[in-house]
Amino acid sequence: MSLKFTYKEQEISVGDSVKVNYKIKEKDKERLQAFDGVVLAITGTGENKNFIVQKTASDAVKVERIFPINSPWIDSIKKLRSPKTKIRRAKLYYLRNPKARTI
């Protein structure tokens, strides 16, 4: 259970909003595509760490993507902001399907 990892002297933890620029290869071209969202979980140990990022797309559809930290396809990871309160969970899976309160 890892709560944080270091990427190019930048410490990223669970609950942070990040922007991941990764390379996409289309036929003979390469381009960068940004994926920004909240880090839900960090799994693995040592060189085999992965992190899950969840973003909200159009019409409140949530999209998750798993990134290996040491992938050559990742161009950069930028920390946009930290959570307002202290995160007390290692995995934020409860953000996947929030329940609406009914009266």
Protein backbone atom coordinates (compact mmCIF):
# COMPACT_ATOMS: atom_id res chain seq x y z
CA MET A 1 0.00 0.00 0.00
CA SER A 2 1.79 3.01 -1.26
CA LEU A 3 0.42 6.47 -0.66
CA LYS A 4 2.92 8.42 -2.76
CA PHE A 5 5.60 8.13 -5.41
CA THR A 6 8.31 10.41 -6.74
CA TYR A 7 8.52 11.37 -10.40
CA LYS A 8 11.40 13.66 -11.45
CA GLU A 9 11.81 15.09 -7.92
CA GLN A 10 8.08 15.75 -7.64
CA GLU A 11 6.12 13.90 -4.98
CA ILE A 12 2.67 12.73 -6.09
CA SER A 13 0.24 11.15 -3.66
CA VAL A 14 -3.24 9.66 -3.66
CA GLY A 15 -5.92 12.36 -4.04
CA ASP A 16 -3.77 14.78 -6.03
CA SER A 17 -5.01 16.24 -9.30
CA VAL A 18 -2.44 15.48 -11.99
CA LYS A 19 -1.96 16.00 -15.70
CA VAL A 20 -0.26 13.11 -17.51
CA ASN A 21 1.13 13.75 -20.99
CA TYR A 22 1.67 10.48 -22.80
CA LYS A 23 2.77 9.62 -26.31
CA ILE A 24 0.37 8.06 -28.80
CA LYS A 25 1.67 6.43 -31.94
CA GLU A 26 -0.57 6.67 -34.99
CA LYS A 27 0.90 4.89 -38.02
CA ASP A 28 4.25 6.66 -38.47
CA LYS A 29 3.57 9.75 -36.32
CA GLU A 30 3.78 10.34 -32.59
CA ARG A 31 1.83 12.94 -30.69
CA LEU A 32 1.23 13.92 -27.07
CA GLN A 33 -2.15 13.58 -25.43
CA ALA A 34 -3.03 14.95 -22.00
CA PHE A 35 -5.04 13.00 -19.43
CA ASP A 36 -5.86 14.99 -16.32
CA GLY A 37 -7.75 13.78 -13.30
CA VAL A 38 -7.49 12.56 -9.72
CA VAL A 39 -5.07 9.83 -8.59
CA LEU A 40 -7.29 7.09 -7.14
CA ALA A 41 -4.68 4.50 -6.19
CA ILE A 42 -1.00 3.63 -6.34
CA THR A 43 -0.18 -0.07 -6.58
CA GLY A 44 2.95 -2.16 -6.89
CA THR A 45 6.41 -1.90 -5.41
CA GLY A 46 9.76 -0.65 -6.63
CA GLU A 47 10.05 -0.46 -10.40
CA ASN A 48 6.62 -2.01 -10.95
CA LYS A 49 4.47 0.80 -9.55
CA ASN A 50 1.27 1.78 -11.32
CA PHE A 51 -1.16 4.57 -10.61
CA ILE A 52 -4.82 4.94 -11.56
CA VAL A 53 -6.10 8.32 -12.74
CA GLN A 54 -9.81 9.09 -13.06
CA LYS A 55 -11.17 11.99 -15.07
CA THR A 56 -14.71 13.18 -15.66
CA ALA A 57 -15.57 13.35 -19.35
CA SER A 58 -18.68 14.81 -20.94
CA ASP A 59 -22.11 14.07 -19.43
CA ALA A 60 -20.50 13.08 -16.09
CA VAL A 61 -19.00 9.90 -17.56
CA LYS A 62 -15.91 8.90 -15.61
CA VAL A 63 -12.90 7.46 -17.40
CA GLU A 64 -10.08 5.64 -15.61
CA ARG A 65 -6.66 4.83 -16.92
CA ILE A 66 -3.77 2.87 -15.41
CA PHE A 67 -0.27 4.24 -16.00
CA PRO A 68 2.98 2.44 -15.18
CA ILE A 69 5.33 4.97 -13.57
CA ASN A 70 8.43 3.89 -15.51
CA SER A 71 6.72 3.68 -18.91
CA PRO A 72 8.68 5.14 -21.84
CA TRP A 73 5.35 6.40 -23.27
CA ILE A 74 4.85 8.87 -20.42
CA ASP A 75 6.30 12.23 -21.38
CA SER A 76 5.56 14.16 -18.18
CA ILE A 77 3.44 14.14 -15.04
CA LYS A 78 2.47 17.50 -13.60
CA LYS A 79 0.85 17.93 -10.21
CA LEU A 80 -1.97 20.47 -10.55
CA ARG A 81 -3.17 20.64 -6.93
CA SER A 82 -3.35 18.77 -3.67
CA PRO A 83 -6.54 17.84 -1.85
CA LYS A 84 -8.02 20.39 0.55
CA THR A 85 -8.16 17.94 3.43
CA LYS A 86 -5.88 15.14 4.53
CA ILE A 87 -6.56 11.88 2.71
CA ARG A 88 -6.99 9.02 5.15
CA ARG A 89 -7.36 6.17 2.65
CA ALA A 90 -4.81 4.40 0.47
CA LYS A 91 -7.33 3.72 -2.31
CA LEU A 92 -10.06 6.21 -3.22
CA TYR A 93 -12.34 3.70 -4.93
CA TYR A 94 -15.36 5.25 -3.24
CA LEU A 95 -15.14 8.09 -5.80
CA ARG A 96 -16.10 5.68 -8.58
CA ASN A 97 -19.83 5.67 -7.92
CA PRO A 98 -20.97 8.32 -5.47
CA LYS A 99 -24.43 7.81 -4.05
CA ALA A 100 -26.93 10.67 -4.23
CA ARG A 101 -28.77 11.39 -1.04
CA THR A 102 -32.51 10.93 -1.29
CA ILE A 103 -34.96 12.75 0.92
